[in-house]
Amino acid sequence: MMLEQLNIEEVLFIDIETVPVVPKFEDLSPLWQNLWANKMRSSVTETVSPEDLYDRAGIYAEFGKIIVISAGYLFRKANEWHYRVKSFHDPDEAVLLNDFGSALNKFASSNKRRLCAHNGQEFDYPYIARRMLVNRVEIPNLLNIAGMKPWETKEVLIDTLQLWKFGDFKHYTSLSLLCALLDIPTPKDDIDGSQVAHVYYVEKDIDRIIRYCEKDTLAVANLMLRYKGLEIVSTENMHVV
């Protein structure tokens, strides 16, 4: 994909927030405790148990769940970039995923033909698809990439991390680092990913997580604007639906 040929107004920018499927390791059934221990066997030591590692569970689609998906798009108004964002959330993950899938199909039937996320190829896109399978939710066409060639996939599912790598397979750069480097207002001004489970299960503040997720999608949109050499969206021009 050549960035100069990309119509950025055809892109839907997304981000997901995930947590362990249950709050604590002891809340898992014995079967799932054993499955987690097996998953973590390479990280377990004499001083670190599978239970100690359970705070990582949210990053694995087999042991975590999605609690928020935010999706937004760029548009021009009065010679400035604006950004409109909507969030999907529900205590029932299946309801959340159904709602998002329906919205994604509607976007795709208009002019939003591509998705964009930071580290989306290794996290957001497969995580959403896997959780849809778990919840028996039909996978939307934009995410149903089985059988597609790698270069075809990258035309539809854009990843700002992969664009930054410039072909370097070993290099990982966080969204917050790129925002600081490219002078983009950081979304990490309240919480970060490591705190989401605590805010969700202990503080029970889903609205705080939603705002965080929405600002992440704006940061990804601004990162793409920077990649294309364009002015970024000011926070005043972010519109929450």
C-alpha atoms as a PDB file:
ATOM      1  CA  MET A   1       0.000   0.000   0.000  1.00  0.00           C
ATOM      2  CA  MET A   2       1.336   3.412  -1.012  1.00  0.00           C
ATOM      3  CA  LEU A   3       0.408   6.022   1.594  1.00  0.00           C
ATOM      4  CA  GLU A   4       0.149   8.803  -0.944  1.00  0.00           C
ATOM      5  CA  GLN A   5      -2.579   6.842  -2.731  1.00  0.00           C
ATOM      6  CA  LEU A   6      -4.563   6.139   0.450  1.00  0.00           C
ATOM      7  CA  ASN A   7      -7.803   8.087   0.806  1.00  0.00           C
ATOM      8  CA  ILE A   8      -7.689   8.624   4.553  1.00  0.00           C
ATOM      9  CA  GLU A   9     -11.418   9.375   4.673  1.00  0.00           C
ATOM     10  CA  GLU A  10     -12.079   5.748   3.691  1.00  0.00           C
ATOM     11  CA  VAL A  11     -10.365   4.477   6.861  1.00  0.00           C
ATOM     12  CA  LEU A  12     -12.055   3.494  10.113  1.00  0.00           C
ATOM     13  CA  PHE A  13      -9.664   3.781  13.067  1.00  0.00           C
ATOM     14  CA  ILE A  14     -10.270   1.293  15.858  1.00  0.00           C
ATOM     15  CA  ASP A  15      -8.950   0.304  19.266  1.00  0.00           C
ATOM     16  CA  ILE A  16     -10.040  -2.339  21.745  1.00  0.00           C
ATOM     17  CA  GLU A  17      -9.747  -2.655  25.507  1.00  0.00           C
ATOM     18  CA  THR A  18      -9.518  -6.129  26.990  1.00  0.00           C
ATOM     19  CA  VAL A  19      -9.450  -7.674  30.468  1.00  0.00           C
ATOM     20  CA  PRO A  20      -9.064 -11.183  31.903  1.00  0.00           C
ATOM     21  CA  VAL A  21     -12.305 -13.108  31.487  1.00  0.00           C
ATOM     22  CA  VAL A  22     -12.674 -13.286  35.288  1.00  0.00           C
ATOM     23  CA  PRO A  23     -11.130 -10.917  37.849  1.00  0.00           C
ATOM     24  CA  LYS A  24      -8.836 -13.362  39.653  1.00  0.00           C
ATOM     25  CA  PHE A  25      -6.983 -16.591  38.970  1.00  0.00           C
ATOM     26  CA  GLU A  26      -8.920 -18.364  41.728  1.00  0.00           C
ATOM     27  CA  ASP A  27     -12.170 -17.479  39.936  1.00  0.00           C
ATOM     28  CA  LEU A  28     -11.183 -19.833  37.108  1.00  0.00           C
ATOM     29  CA  SER A  29     -12.395 -23.422  37.174  1.00  0.00           C
ATOM     30  CA  PRO A  30      -9.726 -26.066  37.877  1.00  0.00           C
ATOM     31  CA  LEU A  31      -9.692 -26.921  34.168  1.00  0.00           C
ATOM     32  CA  TRP A  32      -9.006 -23.349  33.156  1.00  0.00           C
ATOM     33  CA  GLN A  33      -6.431 -22.893  35.916  1.00  0.00           C
ATOM     34  CA  ASN A  34      -4.536 -25.833  34.422  1.00  0.00           C
ATOM     35  CA  LEU A  35      -4.909 -24.457  30.903  1.00  0.00           C
ATOM     36  CA  TRP A  36      -3.531 -21.101  32.061  1.00  0.00           C
ATOM     37  CA  ALA A  37      -0.641 -22.771  33.864  1.00  0.00           C
ATOM     38  CA  ASN A  38       0.200 -24.645  30.672  1.00  0.00           C
ATOM     39  CA  LYS A  39       0.021 -21.434  28.639  1.00  0.00           C
ATOM     40  CA  MET A  40       2.422 -19.718  31.052  1.00  0.00           C
ATOM     41  CA  ARG A  41       4.766 -22.656  31.591  1.00  0.00           C
ATOM     42  CA  SER A  42       7.721 -20.936  29.908  1.00  0.00           C
ATOM     43  CA  SER A  43       7.378 -17.914  32.222  1.00  0.00           C
ATOM     44  CA  VAL A  44       6.876 -19.792  35.496  1.00  0.00           C
ATOM     45  CA  THR A  45       9.878 -19.924  37.851  1.00  0.00           C
ATOM     46  CA  GLU A  46      10.505 -20.969  41.431  1.00  0.00           C
ATOM     47  CA  THR A  47       9.358 -17.526  42.566  1.00  0.00           C
ATOM     48  CA  VAL A  48       6.730 -16.752  39.890  1.00  0.00           C
ATOM     49  CA  SER A  49       3.579 -18.860  39.750  1.00  0.00           C
ATOM     50  CA  PRO A  50       0.839 -19.037  37.077  1.00  0.00           C
ATOM     51  CA  GLU A  51      -1.367 -17.117  39.500  1.00  0.00           C
ATOM     52  CA  ASP A  52       1.229 -14.316  39.679  1.00  0.00           C
ATOM     53  CA  LEU A  53       1.070 -14.020  35.888  1.00  0.00           C
ATOM     54  CA  TYR A  54      -2.715 -13.877  35.639  1.00  0.00           C
ATOM     55  CA  ASP A  55      -2.706 -10.097  35.151  1.00  0.00           C
ATOM     56  CA  ARG A  56      -1.485 -10.888  31.603  1.00  0.00           C
ATOM     57  CA  ALA A  57      -4.604 -12.914  30.783  1.00  0.00           C
ATOM     58  CA  GLY A  58      -6.385 -10.021  29.096  1.00  0.00           C
ATOM     59  CA  ILE A  59      -3.945  -9.942  26.187  1.00  0.00           C
ATOM     60  CA  TYR A  60      -4.852 -13.507  25.149  1.00  0.00           C
ATOM     61  CA  ALA A  61      -8.143 -14.032  23.340  1.00  0.00           C
ATOM     62  CA  GLU A  62      -8.438 -17.498  24.911  1.00  0.00           C
ATOM     63  CA  PHE A  63      -8.310 -16.108  28.452  1.00  0.00           C
ATOM     64  CA  GLY A  64      -9.577 -12.540  28.033  1.00  0.00           C
ATOM     65  CA  LYS A  65     -12.569 -10.648  26.739  1.00  0.00           C
ATOM     66  CA  ILE A  66     -13.287  -7.337  25.021  1.00  0.00           C
ATOM     67  CA  ILE A  67     -15.009  -4.678  27.114  1.00  0.00           C
ATOM     68  CA  VAL A  68     -14.794  -1.680  24.739  1.00  0.00           C
ATOM     69  CA  ILE A  69     -14.297  -1.152  21.019  1.00  0.00           C
ATOM     70  CA  SER A  70     -13.971   2.430  19.803  1.00  0.00           C
ATOM     71  CA  ALA A  71     -14.169   3.294  16.112  1.00  0.00           C
ATOM     72  CA  GLY A  72     -13.765   6.684  14.450  1.00  0.00           C
ATOM     73  CA  TYR A  73     -13.163   8.364  11.123  1.00  0.00           C
ATOM     74  CA  LEU A  74     -11.695  11.586   9.741  1.00  0.00           C
ATOM     75  CA  PHE A  75     -13.546  14.183   7.709  1.00  0.00           C
ATOM     76  CA  ARG A  76     -12.894  17.708   6.457  1.00  0.00           C
ATOM     77  CA  LYS A  77     -14.920  20.687   7.637  1.00  0.00           C
ATOM     78  CA  ALA A  78     -14.102  24.398   7.290  1.00  0.00           C
ATOM     79  CA  ASN A  79     -10.665  23.456   5.914  1.00  0.00           C
ATOM     80  CA  GLU A  80      -9.769  21.488   9.071  1.00  0.00           C
ATOM     81  CA  TRP A  81      -9.631  17.830   9.941  1.00  0.00           C
ATOM     82  CA  HIS A  82     -12.360  16.633  12.286  1.00  0.00           C
ATOM     83  CA  TYR A  83     -12.743  13.248  13.940  1.00  0.00           C
ATOM     84  CA  ARG A  84     -15.985  11.451  14.848  1.00  0.00           C
ATOM     85  CA  VAL A  85     -15.816   8.462  17.194  1.00  0.00           C
ATOM     86  CA  LYS A  86     -18.304   5.947  18.603  1.00  0.00           C
ATOM     87  CA  SER A  87     -17.744   3.316  21.287  1.00  0.00           C
ATOM     88  CA  PHE A  88     -19.315  -0.100  21.696  1.00  0.00           C
ATOM     89  CA  HIS A  89     -19.564  -1.576  25.180  1.00  0.00           C
ATOM     90  CA  ASP A  90     -21.818  -3.958  27.056  1.00  0.00           C
ATOM     91  CA  PRO A  91     -21.399  -6.278  30.062  1.00  0.00           C
ATOM     92  CA  ASP A  92     -22.328  -9.099  27.660  1.00  0.00           C
ATOM     93  CA  GLU A  93     -19.404  -9.427  25.238  1.00  0.00           C
ATOM     94  CA  ALA A  94     -21.594 -11.111  22.620  1.00  0.00           C
ATOM     95  CA  VAL A  95     -23.899  -8.075  22.542  1.00  0.00           C
ATOM     96  CA  LEU A  96     -20.911  -5.731  22.190  1.00  0.00           C
ATOM     97  CA  LEU A  97     -19.475  -7.790  19.329  1.00  0.00           C
ATOM     98  CA  ASN A  98     -22.816  -8.105  17.556  1.00  0.00           C
ATOM     99  CA  ASP A  99     -23.308  -4.340  17.720  1.00  0.00           C
ATOM    100  CA  PHE A 100     -19.801  -3.651  16.462  1.00  0.00           C
ATOM    101  CA  GLY A 101     -20.083  -6.221  13.678  1.00  0.00           C
ATOM    102  CA  SER A 102     -23.348  -4.699  12.454  1.00  0.00           C
ATOM    103  CA  ALA A 103     -21.845  -1.207  12.519  1.00  0.00           C
ATOM    104  CA  LEU A 104     -18.740  -2.406  10.686  1.00  0.00           C
ATOM    105  CA  ASN A 105     -20.827  -3.888   7.892  1.00  0.00           C
ATOM    106  CA  LYS A 106     -22.713  -0.600   7.563  1.00  0.00           C
ATOM    107  CA  PHE A 107     -19.450   1.351   7.412  1.00  0.00           C
ATOM    108  CA  ALA A 108     -18.089  -1.023   4.768  1.00  0.00           C
ATOM    109  CA  SER A 109     -21.214  -0.610   2.655  1.00  0.00           C
ATOM    110  CA  SER A 110     -20.599   3.143   2.568  1.00  0.00           C
ATOM    111  CA  ASN A 111     -17.085   4.375   1.897  1.00  0.00           C
ATOM    112  CA  LYS A 112     -15.216   3.048   4.944  1.00  0.00           C
ATOM    113  CA  ARG A 113     -13.409   0.197   3.196  1.00  0.00           C
ATOM    114  CA  ARG A 114     -10.352  -0.124   5.452  1.00  0.00           C
ATOM    115  CA  LEU A 115      -9.566  -0.515   9.139  1.00  0.00           C
ATOM    116  CA  CYS A 116      -6.533   0.947  10.911  1.00  0.00           C
ATOM    117  CA  ALA A 117      -5.126   0.175  14.368  1.00  0.00           C
ATOM    118  CA  HIS A 118      -1.737   0.330  16.068  1.00  0.00           C
ATOM    119  CA  ASN A 119      -0.362  -3.215  16.279  1.00  0.00           C
ATOM    120  CA  GLY A 120      -3.687  -4.235  14.785  1.00  0.00           C
ATOM    121  CA  GLN A 121      -2.269  -7.137  12.780  1.00  0.00           C
ATOM    122  CA  GLU A 122      -0.966  -8.904  15.873  1.00  0.00           C
ATOM    123  CA  PHE A 123      -3.576  -7.802  18.406  1.00  0.00           C
ATOM    124  CA  ASP A 124      -6.817  -5.936  17.609  1.00  0.00           C
ATOM    125  CA  TYR A 125      -7.879  -7.655  14.369  1.00  0.00           C
ATOM    126  CA  PRO A 126      -7.253 -11.294  15.363  1.00  0.00           C
ATOM    127  CA  TYR A 127      -8.503 -10.686  18.918  1.00  0.00           C
ATOM    128  CA  ILE A 128     -11.854  -9.377  17.680  1.00  0.00           C
ATOM    129  CA  ALA A 129     -12.236 -12.225  15.183  1.00  0.00           C
ATOM    130  CA  ARG A 130     -11.336 -14.882  17.779  1.00  0.00           C
ATOM    131  CA  ARG A 131     -13.742 -13.495  20.369  1.00  0.00           C
ATOM    132  CA  MET A 132     -16.466 -13.404  17.719  1.00  0.00           C
ATOM    133  CA  LEU A 133     -15.859 -17.102  17.088  1.00  0.00           C
ATOM    134  CA  VAL A 134     -16.007 -17.816  20.832  1.00  0.00           C
ATOM    135  CA  ASN A 135     -19.266 -15.877  21.161  1.00  0.00           C
ATOM    136  CA  ARG A 136     -20.746 -17.348  17.949  1.00  0.00           C
ATOM    137  CA  VAL A 137     -20.959 -13.935  16.324  1.00  0.00           C
ATOM    138  CA  GLU A 138     -20.683 -13.682  12.557  1.00  0.00           C
ATOM    139  CA  ILE A 139     -17.347 -12.151  11.551  1.00  0.00           C
ATOM    140  CA  PRO A 140     -17.827  -9.006   9.409  1.00  0.00           C
ATOM    141  CA  ASN A 141     -16.424  -9.060   5.888  1.00  0.00           C
ATOM    142  CA  LEU A 142     -13.694  -6.511   6.718  1.00  0.00           C
ATOM    143  CA  LEU A 143     -12.250  -8.863   9.348  1.00  0.00           C
ATOM    144  CA  ASN A 144     -12.954 -12.163   7.617  1.00  0.00           C
ATOM    145  CA  ILE A 145      -9.617 -12.414   5.825  1.00  0.00           C
ATOM    146  CA  ALA A 146      -9.229 -16.195   5.646  1.00  0.00           C
ATOM    147  CA  GLY A 147      -7.738 -17.136   2.294  1.00  0.00           C
ATOM    148  CA  MET A 148      -6.553 -13.637   1.452  1.00  0.00           C
ATOM    149  CA  LYS A 149      -2.946 -13.096   0.385  1.00  0.00           C
ATOM    150  CA  PRO A 150      -0.769 -11.117   2.861  1.00  0.00           C
ATOM    151  CA  TRP A 151      -0.522  -8.135   0.528  1.00  0.00           C
ATOM    152  CA  GLU A 152      -4.301  -8.168   0.062  1.00  0.00           C
ATOM    153  CA  THR A 153      -4.807  -8.199   3.827  1.00  0.00           C
ATOM    154  CA  LYS A 154      -2.581  -5.150   4.303  1.00  0.00           C
ATOM    155  CA  GLU A 155      -4.698  -3.207   1.805  1.00  0.00           C
ATOM    156  CA  VAL A 156      -7.753  -3.682   4.033  1.00  0.00           C
ATOM    157  CA  LEU A 157      -6.312  -3.968   7.557  1.00  0.00           C
ATOM    158  CA  ILE A 158      -3.790  -1.161   8.015  1.00  0.00           C
ATOM    159  CA  ASP A 159      -1.367  -1.196  10.940  1.00  0.00           C
ATOM    160  CA  THR A 160       0.434   2.012  11.948  1.00  0.00           C
ATOM    161  CA  LEU A 161       3.056  -0.055  13.776  1.00  0.00           C
ATOM    162  CA  GLN A 162       3.887  -2.011  10.622  1.00  0.00           C
ATOM    163  CA  LEU A 163       4.139   1.230   8.646  1.00  0.00           C
ATOM    164  CA  TRP A 164       6.628   2.565  11.221  1.00  0.00           C
ATOM    165  CA  LYS A 165       8.727  -0.615  11.057  1.00  0.00           C
ATOM    166  CA  PHE A 166       9.727   0.034   7.413  1.00  0.00           C
ATOM    167  CA  GLY A 167      10.309  -3.699   6.972  1.00  0.00           C
ATOM    168  CA  ASP A 168      12.101  -4.266  10.303  1.00  0.00           C
ATOM    169  CA  PHE A 169      10.543  -7.438  11.745  1.00  0.00           C
ATOM    170  CA  LYS A 170      12.155  -7.076  15.167  1.00  0.00           C
ATOM    171  CA  HIS A 171      11.180  -3.536  16.015  1.00  0.00           C
ATOM    172  CA  TYR A 172       8.251  -2.703  18.319  1.00  0.00           C
ATOM    173  CA  THR A 173       7.337   0.911  19.064  1.00  0.00           C
ATOM    174  CA  SER A 174       4.442   1.816  21.335  1.00  0.00           C
ATOM    175  CA  LEU A 175       1.739   4.261  20.334  1.00  0.00           C
ATOM    176  CA  SER A 176       2.655   6.547  23.233  1.00  0.00           C
ATOM    177  CA  LEU A 177       6.304   6.673  22.135  1.00  0.00           C
ATOM    178  CA  LEU A 178       5.369   7.530  18.549  1.00  0.00           C
ATOM    179  CA  CYS A 179       2.963  10.221  19.784  1.00  0.00           C
ATOM    180  CA  ALA A 180       5.747  11.805  21.826  1.00  0.00           C
ATOM    181  CA  LEU A 181       8.225  11.500  18.955  1.00  0.00           C
ATOM    182  CA  LEU A 182       5.895  13.012  16.345  1.00  0.00           C
ATOM    183  CA  ASP A 183       4.423  15.688  18.624  1.00  0.00           C
ATOM    184  CA  ILE A 184       0.945  14.217  18.822  1.00  0.00           C
ATOM    185  CA  PRO A 185      -1.093  14.804  22.020  1.00  0.00           C
ATOM    186  CA  THR A 186      -0.797  11.576  23.975  1.00  0.00           C
ATOM    187  CA  PRO A 187      -3.832   9.496  24.918  1.00  0.00           C
ATOM    188  CA  LYS A 188      -1.941   8.246  27.968  1.00  0.00           C
ATOM    189  CA  ASP A 189      -2.880  11.223  30.146  1.00  0.00           C
ATOM    190  CA  ASP A 190      -5.123   9.243  32.497  1.00  0.00           C
ATOM    191  CA  ILE A 191      -4.671   5.472  32.540  1.00  0.00           C
ATOM    192  CA  ASP A 192      -2.695   2.990  30.465  1.00  0.00           C
ATOM    193  CA  GLY A 193      -3.365  -0.539  29.322  1.00  0.00           C
ATOM    194  CA  SER A 194      -1.917  -2.133  32.444  1.00  0.00           C
ATOM    195  CA  GLN A 195      -4.535  -0.390  34.595  1.00  0.00           C
ATOM    196  CA  VAL A 196      -7.640  -1.222  32.555  1.00  0.00           C
ATOM    197  CA  ALA A 197      -8.494  -4.442  34.411  1.00  0.00           C
ATOM    198  CA  HIS A 198      -8.258  -2.698  37.796  1.00  0.00           C
ATOM    199  CA  VAL A 199     -10.432   0.199  36.616  1.00  0.00           C
ATOM    200  CA  TYR A 200     -12.964  -2.278  35.201  1.00  0.00           C
ATOM    201  CA  TYR A 201     -13.159  -4.891  37.959  1.00  0.00           C
ATOM    202  CA  VAL A 202     -12.288  -2.865  41.065  1.00  0.00           C
ATOM    203  CA  GLU A 203     -13.268   0.734  40.334  1.00  0.00           C
ATOM    204  CA  LYS A 204     -16.082  -0.354  37.983  1.00  0.00           C
ATOM    205  CA  ASP A 205     -15.564   2.804  35.918  1.00  0.00           C
ATOM    206  CA  ILE A 206     -16.341   1.787  32.339  1.00  0.00           C
ATOM    207  CA  ASP A 207     -16.775   5.411  31.255  1.00  0.00           C
ATOM    208  CA  ARG A 208     -13.145   6.143  32.122  1.00  0.00           C
ATOM    209  CA  ILE A 209     -12.033   3.210  29.981  1.00  0.00           C
ATOM    210  CA  ILE A 210     -14.249   4.331  27.105  1.00  0.00           C
ATOM    211  CA  ARG A 211     -12.701   7.823  27.086  1.00  0.00           C
ATOM    212  CA  TYR A 212      -9.238   6.274  27.143  1.00  0.00           C
ATOM    213  CA  CYS A 213     -10.075   3.968  24.239  1.00  0.00           C
ATOM    214  CA  GLU A 214     -11.566   6.801  22.185  1.00  0.00           C
ATOM    215  CA  LYS A 215      -8.474   8.946  22.660  1.00  0.00           C
ATOM    216  CA  ASP A 216      -6.345   6.014  21.510  1.00  0.00           C
ATOM    217  CA  THR A 217      -8.223   5.883  18.210  1.00  0.00           C
ATOM    218  CA  LEU A 218      -7.724   9.639  17.757  1.00  0.00           C
ATOM    219  CA  ALA A 219      -4.001   9.157  18.381  1.00  0.00           C
ATOM    220  CA  VAL A 220      -3.878   6.457  15.674  1.00  0.00           C
ATOM    221  CA  ALA A 221      -5.753   8.727  13.244  1.00  0.00           C
ATOM    222  CA  ASN A 222      -3.329  11.559  13.986  1.00  0.00           C
ATOM    223  CA  LEU A 223      -0.387   9.207  13.523  1.00  0.00           C
ATOM    224  CA  MET A 224      -1.661   8.324  10.063  1.00  0.00           C
ATOM    225  CA  LEU A 225      -2.086  12.025   9.258  1.00  0.00           C
ATOM    226  CA  ARG A 226       1.531  12.602  10.316  1.00  0.00           C
ATOM    227  CA  TYR A 227       2.665   9.702   8.108  1.00  0.00           C
ATOM    228  CA  LYS A 228       0.966  11.428   5.173  1.00  0.00           C
ATOM    229  CA  GLY A 229       2.505  14.821   6.037  1.00  0.00           C
ATOM    230  CA  LEU A 230      -0.845  16.384   6.965  1.00  0.00           C
ATOM    231  CA  GLU A 231      -1.970  18.531   9.877  1.00  0.00           C
ATOM    232  CA  ILE A 232      -3.403  16.585  12.789  1.00  0.00           C
ATOM    233  CA  VAL A 233      -6.823  16.860  14.455  1.00  0.00           C
ATOM    234  CA  SER A 234      -7.054  19.181  17.436  1.00  0.00           C
ATOM    235  CA  THR A 235      -8.797  17.793  20.517  1.00  0.00           C
ATOM    236  CA  GLU A 236     -11.557  20.387  20.062  1.00  0.00           C
ATOM    237  CA  ASN A 237     -12.389  18.786  16.711  1.00  0.00           C
ATOM    238  CA  MET A 238     -13.032  15.316  18.205  1.00  0.00           C
ATOM    239  CA  HIS A 239     -16.760  14.551  18.244  1.00  0.00           C
ATOM    240  CA  VAL A 240     -18.058  11.671  20.365  1.00  0.00           C
ATOM    241  CA  VAL A 241     -21.256  10.040  19.101  1.00  0.00           C
END
